[in-house]
All heavy atoms as atom14 arrays in JSON, in Angstrom:
{
  "sequence": "SPFAGLELLSSAVVLVDDELIVRYLNPGAENLFAASSRKIVGYSLR",
  "atom14_mask": [
    [1, 1, 1, 1, 1, 1, 0, 0, 0, 0, 0, 0, 0, 0],
    [1, 1, 1, 1, 1, 1, 1, 0, 0, 0, 0, 0, 0, 0],
    [1, 1, 1, 1, 1, 1, 1, 1, 1, 1, 1, 0, 0, 0],
    [1, 1, 1, 1, 1, 0, 0, 0, 0, 0, 0, 0, 0, 0],
    [1, 1, 1, 1, 0, 0, 0, 0, 0, 0, 0, 0, 0, 0],
    [1, 1, 1, 1, 1, 1, 1, 1, 0, 0, 0, 0, 0, 0],
    [1, 1, 1, 1, 1, 1, 1, 1, 1, 0, 0, 0, 0, 0],
    [1, 1, 1, 1, 1, 1, 1, 1, 0, 0, 0, 0, 0, 0],
    [1, 1, 1, 1, 1, 1, 1, 1, 0, 0, 0, 0, 0, 0],
    [1, 1, 1, 1, 1, 1, 0, 0, 0, 0, 0, 0, 0, 0],
    [1, 1, 1, 1, 1, 1, 0, 0, 0, 0, 0, 0, 0, 0],
    [1, 1, 1, 1, 1, 0, 0, 0, 0, 0, 0, 0, 0, 0],
    [1, 1, 1, 1, 1, 1, 1, 0, 0, 0, 0, 0, 0, 0],
    [1, 1, 1, 1, 1, 1, 1, 0, 0, 0, 0, 0, 0, 0],
    [1, 1, 1, 1, 1, 1, 1, 1, 0, 0, 0, 0, 0, 0],
    [1, 1, 1, 1, 1, 1, 1, 0, 0, 0, 0, 0, 0, 0],
    [1, 1, 1, 1, 1, 1, 1, 1, 0, 0, 0, 0, 0, 0],
    [1, 1, 1, 1, 1, 1, 1, 1, 0, 0, 0, 0, 0, 0],
    [1, 1, 1, 1, 1, 1, 1, 1, 1, 0, 0, 0, 0, 0],
    [1, 1, 1, 1, 1, 1, 1, 1, 0, 0, 0, 0, 0, 0],
    [1, 1, 1, 1, 1, 1, 1, 1, 0, 0, 0, 0, 0, 0],
    [1, 1, 1, 1, 1, 1, 1, 0, 0, 0, 0, 0, 0, 0],
    [1, 1, 1, 1, 1, 1, 1, 1, 1, 1, 1, 0, 0, 0],
    [1, 1, 1, 1, 1, 1, 1, 1, 1, 1, 1, 1, 0, 0],
    [1, 1, 1, 1, 1, 1, 1, 1, 0, 0, 0, 0, 0, 0],
    [1, 1, 1, 1, 1, 1, 1, 1, 0, 0, 0, 0, 0, 0],
    [1, 1, 1, 1, 1, 1, 1, 0, 0, 0, 0, 0, 0, 0],
    [1, 1, 1, 1, 0, 0, 0, 0, 0, 0, 0, 0, 0, 0],
    [1, 1, 1, 1, 1, 0, 0, 0, 0, 0, 0, 0, 0, 0],
    [1, 1, 1, 1, 1, 1, 1, 1, 1, 0, 0, 0, 0, 0],
    [1, 1, 1, 1, 1, 1, 1, 1, 0, 0, 0, 0, 0, 0],
    [1, 1, 1, 1, 1, 1, 1, 1, 0, 0, 0, 0, 0, 0],
    [1, 1, 1, 1, 1, 1, 1, 1, 1, 1, 1, 0, 0, 0],
    [1, 1, 1, 1, 1, 0, 0, 0, 0, 0, 0, 0, 0, 0],
    [1, 1, 1, 1, 1, 0, 0, 0, 0, 0, 0, 0, 0, 0],
    [1, 1, 1, 1, 1, 1, 0, 0, 0, 0, 0, 0, 0, 0],
    [1, 1, 1, 1, 1, 1, 0, 0, 0, 0, 0, 0, 0, 0],
    [1, 1, 1, 1, 1, 1, 1, 1, 1, 1, 1, 0, 0, 0],
    [1, 1, 1, 1, 1, 1, 1, 1, 1, 0, 0, 0, 0, 0],
    [1, 1, 1, 1, 1, 1, 1, 1, 0, 0, 0, 0, 0, 0],
    [1, 1, 1, 1, 1, 1, 1, 0, 0, 0, 0, 0, 0, 0],
    [1, 1, 1, 1, 0, 0, 0, 0, 0, 0, 0, 0, 0, 0],
    [1, 1, 1, 1, 1, 1, 1, 1, 1, 1, 1, 1, 0, 0],
    [1, 1, 1, 1, 1, 1, 0, 0, 0, 0, 0, 0, 0, 0],
    [1, 1, 1, 1, 1, 1, 1, 1, 0, 0, 0, 0, 0, 0],
    [1, 1, 1, 1, 1, 1, 1, 1, 1, 1, 1, 0, 0, 0]
  ],
  "atom14_positions": [
    [[-19.01, -4.03, -9.39], [-17.89, -4.69, -8.72], [-16.75, -3.69, -8.52], [-16.42, -2.93, -9.44], [-17.4, -5.88, -9.54], [-16.17, -6.35, -9.07], [0.0, 0.0, 0.0], [0.0, 0.0, 0.0], [0.0, 0.0, 0.0], [0.0, 0.0, 0.0], [0.0, 0.0, 0.0], [0.0, 0.0, 0.0], [0.0, 0.0, 0.0], [0.0, 0.0, 0.0]],
    [[-16.13, -3.67, -7.34], [-15.01, -2.75, -7.12], [-13.81, -3.06, -8.01], [-12.91, -2.26, -8.13], [-14.67, -2.96, -5.64], [-15.18, -4.33, -5.31], [-16.42, -4.5, -6.15], [0.0, 0.0, 0.0], [0.0, 0.0, 0.0], [0.0, 0.0, 0.0], [0.0, 0.0, 0.0], [0.0, 0.0, 0.0], [0.0, 0.0, 0.0], [0.0, 0.0, 0.0]],
    [[-13.8, -4.25, -8.62], [-12.67, -4.65, -9.46], [-13.05, -4.67, -10.94], [-12.32, -5.23, -11.76], [-12.17, -6.04, -9.05], [-11.91, -6.18, -7.58], [-12.39, -7.27, -6.88], [-11.18, -5.21, -6.89], [-12.14, -7.41, -5.53], [-10.94, -5.35, -5.54], [-11.42, -6.45, -4.85], [0.0, 0.0, 0.0], [0.0, 0.0, 0.0], [0.0, 0.0, 0.0]],
    [[-14.19, -4.07, -11.29], [-14.69, -4.18, -12.67], [-13.68, -3.66, -13.69], [-13.52, -4.23, -14.76], [-16.01, -3.42, -12.81], [0.0, 0.0, 0.0], [0.0, 0.0, 0.0], [0.0, 0.0, 0.0], [0.0, 0.0, 0.0], [0.0, 0.0, 0.0], [0.0, 0.0, 0.0], [0.0, 0.0, 0.0], [0.0, 0.0, 0.0], [0.0, 0.0, 0.0]],
    [[-13.0, -2.57, -13.38], [-12.05, -2.0, -14.34], [-10.88, -2.9, -14.65], [-10.29, -2.83, -15.72], [0.0, 0.0, 0.0], [0.0, 0.0, 0.0], [0.0, 0.0, 0.0], [0.0, 0.0, 0.0], [0.0, 0.0, 0.0], [0.0, 0.0, 0.0], [0.0, 0.0, 0.0], [0.0, 0.0, 0.0], [0.0, 0.0, 0.0], [0.0, 0.0, 0.0]],
    [[-10.53, -3.79, -13.71], [-9.38, -4.68, -13.93], [-9.68, -5.74, -14.98], [-8.75, -6.33, -15.54], [-8.99, -5.36, -12.6], [-8.57, -4.41, -11.47], [-8.24, -5.21, -10.21], [-7.36, -3.57, -11.89], [0.0, 0.0, 0.0], [0.0, 0.0, 0.0], [0.0, 0.0, 0.0], [0.0, 0.0, 0.0], [0.0, 0.0, 0.0], [0.0, 0.0, 0.0]],
    [[-10.94, -6.01, -15.25], [-11.29, -7.03, -16.23], [-10.88, -6.62, -17.64], [-10.75, -7.46, -18.52], [-12.79, -7.3, -16.19], [-13.26, -7.91, -14.87], [-14.74, -8.23, -14.89], [-15.38, -7.93, -15.92], [-15.25, -8.75, -13.88], [0.0, 0.0, 0.0], [0.0, 0.0, 0.0], [0.0, 0.0, 0.0], [0.0, 0.0, 0.0], [0.0, 0.0, 0.0]],
    [[-10.69, -5.32, -17.86], [-10.36, -4.83, -19.19], [-8.86, -4.87, -19.47], [-8.44, -4.64, -20.61], [-10.88, -3.4, -19.36], [-12.38, -3.21, -19.15], [-12.75, -1.74, -19.26], [-13.18, -4.04, -20.15], [0.0, 0.0, 0.0], [0.0, 0.0, 0.0], [0.0, 0.0, 0.0], [0.0, 0.0, 0.0], [0.0, 0.0, 0.0], [0.0, 0.0, 0.0]],
    [[-8.05, -5.12, -18.44], [-6.6, -5.12, -18.62], [-6.15, -6.38, -19.34], [-6.67, -7.47, -19.12], [-5.89, -5.03, -17.27], [-6.11, -3.74, -16.46], [-5.36, -3.82, -15.14], [-5.64, -2.53, -17.26], [0.0, 0.0, 0.0], [0.0, 0.0, 0.0], [0.0, 0.0, 0.0], [0.0, 0.0, 0.0], [0.0, 0.0, 0.0], [0.0, 0.0, 0.0]],
    [[-5.15, -6.22, -20.21], [-4.61, -7.38, -20.92], [-3.65, -8.18, -20.04], [-3.45, -9.37, -20.27], [-3.89, -6.92, -22.19], [-2.82, -6.05, -21.87], [0.0, 0.0, 0.0], [0.0, 0.0, 0.0], [0.0, 0.0, 0.0], [0.0, 0.0, 0.0], [0.0, 0.0, 0.0], [0.0, 0.0, 0.0], [0.0, 0.0, 0.0], [0.0, 0.0, 0.0]],
    [[-3.06, -7.53, -19.06], [-2.12, -8.23, -18.18], [-2.89, -9.01, -17.11], [-4.07, -8.77, -16.87], [-1.16, -7.24, -17.53], [-1.87, -6.23, -16.85], [0.0, 0.0, 0.0], [0.0, 0.0, 0.0], [0.0, 0.0, 0.0], [0.0, 0.0, 0.0], [0.0, 0.0, 0.0], [0.0, 0.0, 0.0], [0.0, 0.0, 0.0], [0.0, 0.0, 0.0]],
    [[-2.19, -9.94, -16.48], [-2.79, -10.77, -15.44], [-2.71, -10.04, -14.1], [-1.63, -9.65, -13.66], [-2.07, -12.11, -15.36], [0.0, 0.0, 0.0], [0.0, 0.0, 0.0], [0.0, 0.0, 0.0], [0.0, 0.0, 0.0], [0.0, 0.0, 0.0], [0.0, 0.0, 0.0], [0.0, 0.0, 0.0], [0.0, 0.0, 0.0], [0.0, 0.0, 0.0]],
    [[-3.85, -9.87, -13.45], [-3.92, -9.13, -12.18], [-4.54, -10.04, -11.11], [-5.58, -10.66, -11.33], [-4.74, -7.85, -12.32], [-4.92, -7.18, -10.95], [-4.07, -6.89, -13.29], [0.0, 0.0, 0.0], [0.0, 0.0, 0.0], [0.0, 0.0, 0.0], [0.0, 0.0, 0.0], [0.0, 0.0, 0.0], [0.0, 0.0, 0.0], [0.0, 0.0, 0.0]],
    [[-3.88, -10.08, -9.94], [-4.36, -10.85, -8.8], [-4.38, -9.93, -7.59], [-3.4, -9.2, -7.35], [-3.46, -12.07, -8.51], [-3.96, -12.85, -7.3], [-3.38, -12.97, -9.74], [0.0, 0.0, 0.0], [0.0, 0.0, 0.0], [0.0, 0.0, 0.0], [0.0, 0.0, 0.0], [0.0, 0.0, 0.0], [0.0, 0.0, 0.0], [0.0, 0.0, 0.0]],
    [[-5.45, -9.95, -6.82], [-5.55, -9.17, -5.58], [-5.57, -10.11, -4.4], [-6.29, -11.12, -4.4], [-6.82, -8.31, -5.59], [-6.86, -7.16, -6.6], [-8.23, -6.5, -6.61], [-5.79, -6.13, -6.29], [0.0, 0.0, 0.0], [0.0, 0.0, 0.0], [0.0, 0.0, 0.0], [0.0, 0.0, 0.0], [0.0, 0.0, 0.0], [0.0, 0.0, 0.0]],
    [[-4.77, -9.8, -3.38], [-4.71, -10.61, -2.16], [-4.89, -9.72, -0.95], [-4.69, -8.5, -1.01], [-3.38, -11.38, -2.07], [-3.2, -12.31, -3.27], [-2.19, -10.41, -1.99], [0.0, 0.0, 0.0], [0.0, 0.0, 0.0], [0.0, 0.0, 0.0], [0.0, 0.0, 0.0], [0.0, 0.0, 0.0], [0.0, 0.0, 0.0], [0.0, 0.0, 0.0]],
    [[-5.25, -10.34, 0.19], [-5.41, -9.58, 1.43], [-4.15, -9.69, 2.28], [-3.1, -10.17, 1.81], [-6.64, -10.06, 2.19], [-6.55, -11.54, 2.59], [-5.43, -12.09, 2.57], [-7.6, -12.12, 2.93], [0.0, 0.0, 0.0], [0.0, 0.0, 0.0], [0.0, 0.0, 0.0], [0.0, 0.0, 0.0], [0.0, 0.0, 0.0], [0.0, 0.0, 0.0]],
    [[-4.24, -9.23, 3.52], [-3.07, -9.24, 4.4], [-2.51, -10.63, 4.65], [-1.32, -10.79, 4.94], [-3.43, -8.59, 5.75], [-3.75, -7.12, 5.6], [-4.93, -6.8, 5.34], [-2.82, -6.31, 5.73], [0.0, 0.0, 0.0], [0.0, 0.0, 0.0], [0.0, 0.0, 0.0], [0.0, 0.0, 0.0], [0.0, 0.0, 0.0], [0.0, 0.0, 0.0]],
    [[-3.36, -11.63, 4.58], [-2.93, -13.0, 4.83], [-2.51, -13.72, 3.55], [-2.34, -14.93, 3.54], [-4.06, -13.79, 5.51], [-4.53, -13.18, 6.84], [-3.41, -13.14, 7.86], [-2.6, -14.11, 7.89], [-3.34, -12.16, 8.63], [0.0, 0.0, 0.0], [0.0, 0.0, 0.0], [0.0, 0.0, 0.0], [0.0, 0.0, 0.0], [0.0, 0.0, 0.0]],
    [[-2.39, -12.95, 2.46], [-2.05, -13.48, 1.14], [-3.08, -14.5, 0.66], [-2.76, -15.49, -0.01], [-0.64, -14.1, 1.14], [0.5, -13.16, 1.52], [1.85, -13.86, 1.39], [0.47, -11.89, 0.68], [0.0, 0.0, 0.0], [0.0, 0.0, 0.0], [0.0, 0.0, 0.0], [0.0, 0.0, 0.0], [0.0, 0.0, 0.0], [0.0, 0.0, 0.0]],
    [[-4.34, -14.21, 1.0], [-5.46, -14.99, 0.47], [-5.96, -14.29, -0.79], [-6.17, -13.07, -0.79], [-6.6, -15.11, 1.5], [-6.08, -15.75, 2.79], [-7.77, -15.9, 0.93], [-5.53, -17.15, 2.61], [0.0, 0.0, 0.0], [0.0, 0.0, 0.0], [0.0, 0.0, 0.0], [0.0, 0.0, 0.0], [0.0, 0.0, 0.0], [0.0, 0.0, 0.0]],
    [[-6.15, -15.04, -1.84], [-6.58, -14.46, -3.11], [-8.03, -13.98, -3.0], [-8.91, -14.73, -2.58], [-6.46, -15.48, -4.26], [-6.97, -14.89, -5.57], [-5.01, -15.92, -4.43], [0.0, 0.0, 0.0], [0.0, 0.0, 0.0], [0.0, 0.0, 0.0], [0.0, 0.0, 0.0], [0.0, 0.0, 0.0], [0.0, 0.0, 0.0], [0.0, 0.0, 0.0]],
    [[-8.26, -12.72, -3.38], [-9.59, -12.14, -3.35], [-10.17, -11.89, -4.74], [-11.38, -11.72, -4.88], [-9.57, -10.83, -2.55], [-9.23, -11.02, -1.08], [-10.2, -12.0, -0.44], [-9.85, -12.32, 0.95], [-10.42, -13.29, 1.64], [-11.32, -14.06, 1.05], [-10.06, -13.53, 2.89], [0.0, 0.0, 0.0], [0.0, 0.0, 0.0], [0.0, 0.0, 0.0]],
    [[-9.29, -11.88, -5.73], [-9.79, -11.6, -7.09], [-8.74, -11.98, -8.12], [-7.53, -11.8, -7.89], [-10.13, -10.11, -7.23], [-10.42, -9.67, -8.65], [-11.66, -9.92, -9.24], [-9.45, -9.03, -9.43], [-11.93, -9.53, -10.55], [-9.71, -8.64, -10.74], [-10.95, -8.89, -11.29], [-11.21, -8.51, -12.58], [0.0, 0.0, 0.0], [0.0, 0.0, 0.0]],
    [[-9.2, -12.54, -9.26], [-8.38, -12.75, -10.46], [-9.13, -12.14, -11.63], [-10.33, -12.35, -11.78], [-8.17, -14.23, -10.77], [-7.2, -15.07, -9.96], [-7.86, -15.53, -8.68], [-6.76, -16.28, -10.78], [0.0, 0.0, 0.0], [0.0, 0.0, 0.0], [0.0, 0.0, 0.0], [0.0, 0.0, 0.0], [0.0, 0.0, 0.0], [0.0, 0.0, 0.0]],
    [[-8.42, -11.39, -12.46], [-9.08, -10.88, -13.66], [-8.98, -11.95, -14.76], [-8.25, -12.94, -14.63], [-8.49, -9.54, -14.1], [-7.14, -9.67, -14.77], [-6.43, -10.67, -14.59], [-6.75, -8.68, -15.54], [0.0, 0.0, 0.0], [0.0, 0.0, 0.0], [0.0, 0.0, 0.0], [0.0, 0.0, 0.0], [0.0, 0.0, 0.0], [0.0, 0.0, 0.0]],
    [[-9.74, -11.8, -15.86], [-9.69, -12.81, -16.93], [-8.29, -13.06, -17.48], [-7.97, -14.18, -17.88], [-10.62, -12.22, -18.0], [-11.58, -11.37, -17.23], [-10.76, -10.77, -16.11], [0.0, 0.0, 0.0], [0.0, 0.0, 0.0], [0.0, 0.0, 0.0], [0.0, 0.0, 0.0], [0.0, 0.0, 0.0], [0.0, 0.0, 0.0], [0.0, 0.0, 0.0]],
    [[-7.46, -12.0, -17.49], [-6.08, -12.2, -17.96], [-5.32, -13.17, -17.09], [-4.52, -13.97, -17.58], [0.0, 0.0, 0.0], [0.0, 0.0, 0.0], [0.0, 0.0, 0.0], [0.0, 0.0, 0.0], [0.0, 0.0, 0.0], [0.0, 0.0, 0.0], [0.0, 0.0, 0.0], [0.0, 0.0, 0.0], [0.0, 0.0, 0.0], [0.0, 0.0, 0.0]],
    [[-5.55, -13.11, -15.77], [-4.88, -14.04, -14.85], [-5.42, -15.45, -15.01], [-4.66, -16.43, -14.95], [-5.05, -13.55, -13.42], [0.0, 0.0, 0.0], [0.0, 0.0, 0.0], [0.0, 0.0, 0.0], [0.0, 0.0, 0.0], [0.0, 0.0, 0.0], [0.0, 0.0, 0.0], [0.0, 0.0, 0.0], [0.0, 0.0, 0.0], [0.0, 0.0, 0.0]],
    [[-6.73, -15.56, -15.2], [-7.31, -16.89, -15.41], [-6.71, -17.55, -16.65], [-6.4, -18.75, -16.65], [-8.83, -16.78, -15.56], [-9.56, -16.41, -14.28], [-11.06, -16.34, -14.48], [-11.5, -15.6, -15.39], [-11.78, -17.04, -13.74], [0.0, 0.0, 0.0], [0.0, 0.0, 0.0], [0.0, 0.0, 0.0], [0.0, 0.0, 0.0], [0.0, 0.0, 0.0]],
    [[-6.53, -16.75, -17.69], [-5.98, -17.29, -18.93], [-4.5, -17.65, -18.77], [-4.04, -18.71, -19.22], [-6.17, -16.27, -20.06], [-5.78, -16.82, -21.41], [-6.16, -17.93, -21.78], [-5.02, -16.05, -22.17], [0.0, 0.0, 0.0], [0.0, 0.0, 0.0], [0.0, 0.0, 0.0], [0.0, 0.0, 0.0], [0.0, 0.0, 0.0], [0.0, 0.0, 0.0]],
    [[-3.73, -16.77, -18.14], [-2.29, -17.0, -17.98], [-2.0, -18.23, -17.14], [-1.14, -19.05, -17.49], [-1.63, -15.76, -17.36], [-0.13, -15.87, -17.05], [0.67, -16.07, -18.34], [0.36, -14.64, -16.31], [0.0, 0.0, 0.0], [0.0, 0.0, 0.0], [0.0, 0.0, 0.0], [0.0, 0.0, 0.0], [0.0, 0.0, 0.0], [0.0, 0.0, 0.0]],
    [[-2.72, -18.36, -16.02], [-2.44, -19.47, -15.09], [-3.33, -20.68, -15.33], [-3.22, -21.66, -14.6], [-2.62, -18.97, -13.65], [-1.63, -17.92, -13.24], [-2.03, -16.61, -13.07], [-0.29, -18.23, -13.05], [-1.13, -15.62, -12.7], [0.63, -17.26, -12.67], [0.21, -15.95, -12.5], [0.0, 0.0, 0.0], [0.0, 0.0, 0.0], [0.0, 0.0, 0.0]],
    [[-4.2, -20.6, -16.35], [-5.12, -21.71, -16.65], [-5.87, -22.14, -15.4], [-5.92, -23.33, -15.03], [-4.35, -22.89, -17.25], [0.0, 0.0, 0.0], [0.0, 0.0, 0.0], [0.0, 0.0, 0.0], [0.0, 0.0, 0.0], [0.0, 0.0, 0.0], [0.0, 0.0, 0.0], [0.0, 0.0, 0.0], [0.0, 0.0, 0.0], [0.0, 0.0, 0.0]],
    [[-6.45, -21.16, -14.71], [-7.16, -21.41, -13.45], [-8.41, -20.54, -13.41], [-8.41, -19.41, -13.89], [-6.26, -21.11, -12.25], [0.0, 0.0, 0.0], [0.0, 0.0, 0.0], [0.0, 0.0, 0.0], [0.0, 0.0, 0.0], [0.0, 0.0, 0.0], [0.0, 0.0, 0.0], [0.0, 0.0, 0.0], [0.0, 0.0, 0.0], [0.0, 0.0, 0.0]],
    [[-9.48, -21.07, -12.83], [-10.71, -20.31, -12.72], [-10.79, -19.63, -11.36], [-10.28, -20.16, -10.35], [-11.93, -21.22, -12.91], [-12.04, -22.13, -11.85], [0.0, 0.0, 0.0], [0.0, 0.0, 0.0], [0.0, 0.0, 0.0], [0.0, 0.0, 0.0], [0.0, 0.0, 0.0], [0.0, 0.0, 0.0], [0.0, 0.0, 0.0], [0.0, 0.0, 0.0]],
    [[-11.43, -18.47, -11.32], [-11.6, -17.75, -10.05], [-12.3, -18.6, -9.01], [-11.98, -18.54, -7.82], [-12.39, -16.46, -10.29], [-11.67, -15.57, -11.12], [0.0, 0.0, 0.0], [0.0, 0.0, 0.0], [0.0, 0.0, 0.0], [0.0, 0.0, 0.0], [0.0, 0.0, 0.0], [0.0, 0.0, 0.0], [0.0, 0.0, 0.0], [0.0, 0.0, 0.0]],
    [[-13.26, -19.39, -9.46], [-14.04, -20.2, -8.52], [-13.17, -21.16, -7.71], [-13.45, -21.44, -6.55], [-15.08, -21.0, -9.31], [-16.01, -21.84, -8.47], [-17.12, -22.43, -9.34], [-16.58, -23.14, -10.49], [-16.19, -24.41, -10.45], [-16.27, -25.1, -9.32], [-15.73, -25.0, -11.53], [0.0, 0.0, 0.0], [0.0, 0.0, 0.0], [0.0, 0.0, 0.0]],
    [[-12.06, -21.63, -8.3], [-11.19, -22.58, -7.61], [-10.02, -21.93, -6.89], [-9.27, -22.61, -6.19], [-10.66, -23.61, -8.62], [-11.74, -24.49, -9.22], [-11.15, -25.53, -10.15], [-12.23, -26.44, -10.72], [-11.66, -27.48, -11.63], [0.0, 0.0, 0.0], [0.0, 0.0, 0.0], [0.0, 0.0, 0.0], [0.0, 0.0, 0.0], [0.0, 0.0, 0.0]],
    [[-9.84, -20.61, -7.09], [-8.68, -19.94, -6.51], [-9.07, -18.91, -5.45], [-8.43, -18.81, -4.4], [-7.85, -19.26, -7.62], [-7.32, -20.31, -8.61], [-6.7, -18.46, -7.02], [-6.38, -21.33, -8.01], [0.0, 0.0, 0.0], [0.0, 0.0, 0.0], [0.0, 0.0, 0.0], [0.0, 0.0, 0.0], [0.0, 0.0, 0.0], [0.0, 0.0, 0.0]],
    [[-10.11, -18.12, -5.72], [-10.5, -17.06, -4.78], [-10.9, -17.68, -3.45], [-11.66, -18.66, -3.39], [-11.66, -16.23, -5.37], [-12.22, -15.27, -4.31], [-11.19, -15.45, -6.59], [0.0, 0.0, 0.0], [0.0, 0.0, 0.0], [0.0, 0.0, 0.0], [0.0, 0.0, 0.0], [0.0, 0.0, 0.0], [0.0, 0.0, 0.0], [0.0, 0.0, 0.0]],
    [[-10.35, -17.11, -2.36], [-10.6, -17.63, -1.02], [-9.53, -18.58, -0.53], [-9.56, -19.02, 0.64], [0.0, 0.0, 0.0], [0.0, 0.0, 0.0], [0.0, 0.0, 0.0], [0.0, 0.0, 0.0], [0.0, 0.0, 0.0], [0.0, 0.0, 0.0], [0.0, 0.0, 0.0], [0.0, 0.0, 0.0], [0.0, 0.0, 0.0], [0.0, 0.0, 0.0]],
    [[-8.57, -18.88, -1.4], [-7.47, -19.78, -1.02], [-6.14, -19.02, -1.02], [-6.03, -17.92, -1.56], [-7.38, -20.96, -1.99], [-8.55, -21.9, -1.93], [-9.67, -21.71, -2.73], [-8.56, -22.98, -1.04], [-10.76, -22.56, -2.67], [-9.63, -23.86, -0.98], [-10.73, -23.64, -1.8], [-11.81, -24.49, -1.73], [0.0, 0.0, 0.0], [0.0, 0.0, 0.0]],
    [[-5.13, -19.64, -0.42], [-3.82, -19.02, -0.34], [-3.23, -18.8, -1.74], [-3.5, -19.57, -2.67], [-2.88, -19.91, 0.48], [-1.54, -19.46, 0.39], [0.0, 0.0, 0.0], [0.0, 0.0, 0.0], [0.0, 0.0, 0.0], [0.0, 0.0, 0.0], [0.0, 0.0, 0.0], [0.0, 0.0, 0.0], [0.0, 0.0, 0.0], [0.0, 0.0, 0.0]],
    [[-2.42, -17.76, -1.86], [-1.76, -17.46, -3.12], [-0.89, -18.63, -3.59], [-0.65, -18.79, -4.78], [-0.91, -16.19, -2.97], [-0.23, -15.64, -4.21], [-1.24, -15.23, -5.27], [0.66, -14.45, -3.84], [0.0, 0.0, 0.0], [0.0, 0.0, 0.0], [0.0, 0.0, 0.0], [0.0, 0.0, 0.0], [0.0, 0.0, 0.0], [0.0, 0.0, 0.0]],
    [[-0.43, -19.44, -2.63], [0.41, -20.6, -3.0], [-0.35, -21.56, -3.92], [0.26, -22.26, -4.71], [0.87, -21.34, -1.75], [1.9, -20.59, -0.93], [2.57, -21.51, 0.1], [1.57, -22.09, 1.01], [1.17, -21.49, 2.13], [1.66, -20.31, 2.47], [0.28, -22.08, 2.9], [0.0, 0.0, 0.0], [0.0, 0.0, 0.0], [0.0, 0.0, 0.0]]
  ]
}
């Protein structure tokens, strides 16, 4: 995965595209926001 290294970070990391659509959440972000990637990736950052 091009984002594999981000999974090791303790901080919450979110990647978005030009349209501010979420393309990736690392485990730290899932834990911080109490949200799973499956329900967030592909949707607006809002």
